[in-house]
Amino acid sequence: MGLSQLLTDSVSVTANDQGPWRQYVLDHIDWLKARIQPTEIQDLLMNQYRYDLERFLRDEVRLQLDVAWIVLLLNDMSCDFEFVQPGTYLIPQDALINSLYHSFATLRANSQ
């Protein structure tokens, strides 16, 4: 296996926060919000992960997909530096994002 194949295999398709996939997520943001159980983040946990949303999602929520940019959109944050206050956050599960991505991929395949 070559380096390019290894890199291609290790990059999550959901990590692409530009182009058609990003627009599809934006178009379905209300659909996502309606299906997410809000997550309460207490002071102690926020102190541990302040400014590091990606590490929080990986370590505490156990998300396998690279969806930090979607979490930022869902919570009206522009970057990780806004992940500072304890409180309620909308954090989608992998299955929900997989479902949305599958519908996006199907739509794109059918339109070509």
Protein backbone atom coordinates (compact mmCIF):
# COMPACT_ATOMS: atom_id res chain seq x y z
CA MET A 1 0.00 0.00 0.00
CA GLY A 2 1.41 3.35 -1.05
CA LEU A 3 1.51 6.52 1.01
CA SER A 4 -1.21 8.20 -1.05
CA GLN A 5 -3.56 5.26 -0.49
CA LEU A 6 -2.81 5.25 3.24
CA LEU A 7 -3.56 8.98 3.48
CA THR A 8 -6.71 8.62 1.42
CA ASP A 9 -7.97 5.78 3.62
CA SER A 10 -7.28 7.70 6.83
CA VAL A 11 -9.13 10.88 5.82
CA SER A 12 -12.79 10.92 6.77
CA VAL A 13 -15.15 12.05 4.04
CA THR A 14 -17.18 13.86 6.70
CA ALA A 15 -14.18 16.04 7.56
CA ASN A 16 -14.55 18.03 4.34
CA ASP A 17 -16.02 21.31 5.55
CA GLN A 18 -15.97 22.96 2.12
CA GLY A 19 -17.93 22.59 -1.08
CA PRO A 20 -21.10 20.57 -1.72
CA TRP A 21 -20.96 18.50 1.49
CA ARG A 22 -20.77 21.64 3.64
CA GLN A 23 -23.70 23.17 1.74
CA TYR A 24 -25.70 19.97 2.20
CA VAL A 25 -25.07 20.09 5.95
CA LEU A 26 -26.09 23.76 6.05
CA ASP A 27 -29.26 22.95 4.11
CA HIS A 28 -30.10 20.24 6.65
CA ILE A 29 -29.04 22.02 9.86
CA ASP A 30 -32.62 22.22 11.17
CA TRP A 31 -33.13 18.52 10.36
CA LEU A 32 -29.99 17.73 12.40
CA LYS A 33 -31.00 19.95 15.31
CA ALA A 34 -34.39 18.23 15.53
CA ARG A 35 -32.74 14.81 15.89
CA ILE A 36 -29.97 15.58 18.40
CA GLN A 37 -30.29 14.99 22.12
CA PRO A 38 -28.64 18.02 23.81
CA THR A 39 -25.48 17.27 25.80
CA GLU A 40 -24.82 19.03 29.10
CA ILE A 41 -21.16 19.87 29.72
CA GLN A 42 -20.36 20.61 33.36
CA ASP A 43 -17.66 22.98 34.70
CA LEU A 44 -15.09 20.30 35.49
CA LEU A 45 -15.30 18.73 32.05
CA MET A 46 -15.20 22.12 30.30
CA ASN A 47 -12.10 23.08 32.29
CA GLN A 48 -10.39 19.96 30.96
CA TYR A 49 -11.34 20.50 27.28
CA ARG A 50 -11.66 24.28 26.99
CA TYR A 51 -10.69 25.48 23.48
CA ASP A 52 -10.25 21.87 22.28
CA LEU A 53 -13.56 20.69 20.86
CA GLU A 54 -11.99 17.98 18.69
CA ARG A 55 -10.29 16.31 21.66
CA PHE A 56 -13.53 16.52 23.65
CA LEU A 57 -15.48 14.86 20.84
CA ARG A 58 -12.87 12.12 20.48
CA ASP A 59 -12.22 11.42 24.18
CA GLU A 60 -15.56 12.04 25.89
CA VAL A 61 -18.22 11.60 23.21
CA ARG A 62 -16.25 8.88 21.37
CA LEU A 63 -17.13 10.14 17.92
CA GLN A 64 -15.31 8.30 15.16
CA LEU A 65 -16.04 10.86 12.46
CA ASP A 66 -14.35 14.22 11.99
CA VAL A 67 -17.40 16.35 12.66
CA ALA A 68 -16.08 19.15 14.86
CA TRP A 69 -16.96 21.65 12.13
CA ILE A 70 -20.56 20.39 12.16
CA VAL A 71 -20.71 20.75 15.95
CA LEU A 72 -19.45 24.31 15.57
CA LEU A 73 -22.23 25.04 13.06
CA LEU A 74 -24.91 23.43 15.22
CA ASN A 75 -23.89 25.52 18.21
CA ASP A 76 -23.38 28.82 16.35
CA MET A 77 -19.65 28.88 17.06
CA SER A 78 -17.07 30.07 14.55
CA CYS A 79 -14.04 28.24 15.99
CA ASP A 80 -12.73 26.13 18.89
CA PHE A 81 -11.91 29.28 20.86
CA GLU A 82 -15.64 29.68 21.48
CA PHE A 83 -15.82 26.26 23.17
CA VAL A 84 -15.29 27.78 26.61
CA GLN A 85 -18.54 27.91 28.57
CA PRO A 86 -20.14 25.01 30.41
CA GLY A 87 -23.68 24.42 29.28
CA THR A 88 -25.83 22.61 26.75
CA TYR A 89 -24.40 21.70 23.35
CA LEU A 90 -25.82 19.94 20.30
CA ILE A 91 -23.53 17.04 19.43
CA PRO A 92 -24.65 14.57 16.75
CA GLN A 93 -23.86 10.88 16.97
CA ASP A 94 -21.87 9.14 14.25
CA ALA A 95 -24.97 7.27 13.04
CA LEU A 96 -26.84 10.51 12.37
CA ILE A 97 -23.96 12.00 10.39
CA ASN A 98 -23.50 8.71 8.52
CA SER A 99 -27.17 8.80 7.57
CA LEU A 100 -26.93 12.39 6.36
CA TYR A 101 -23.75 11.67 4.41
CA HIS A 102 -25.32 8.59 2.84
CA SER A 103 -28.27 10.67 1.61
CA PHE A 104 -25.83 13.29 0.28
CA ALA A 105 -23.76 10.67 -1.56
CA THR A 106 -26.89 9.04 -3.00
CA LEU A 107 -28.23 12.38 -4.21
CA ARG A 108 -24.90 13.23 -5.86
CA ALA A 109 -24.62 9.80 -7.50
CA ASN A 110 -28.15 10.07 -8.89
CA SER A 111 -27.56 13.55 -10.27
CA GLN A 112 -24.50 12.59 -12.31
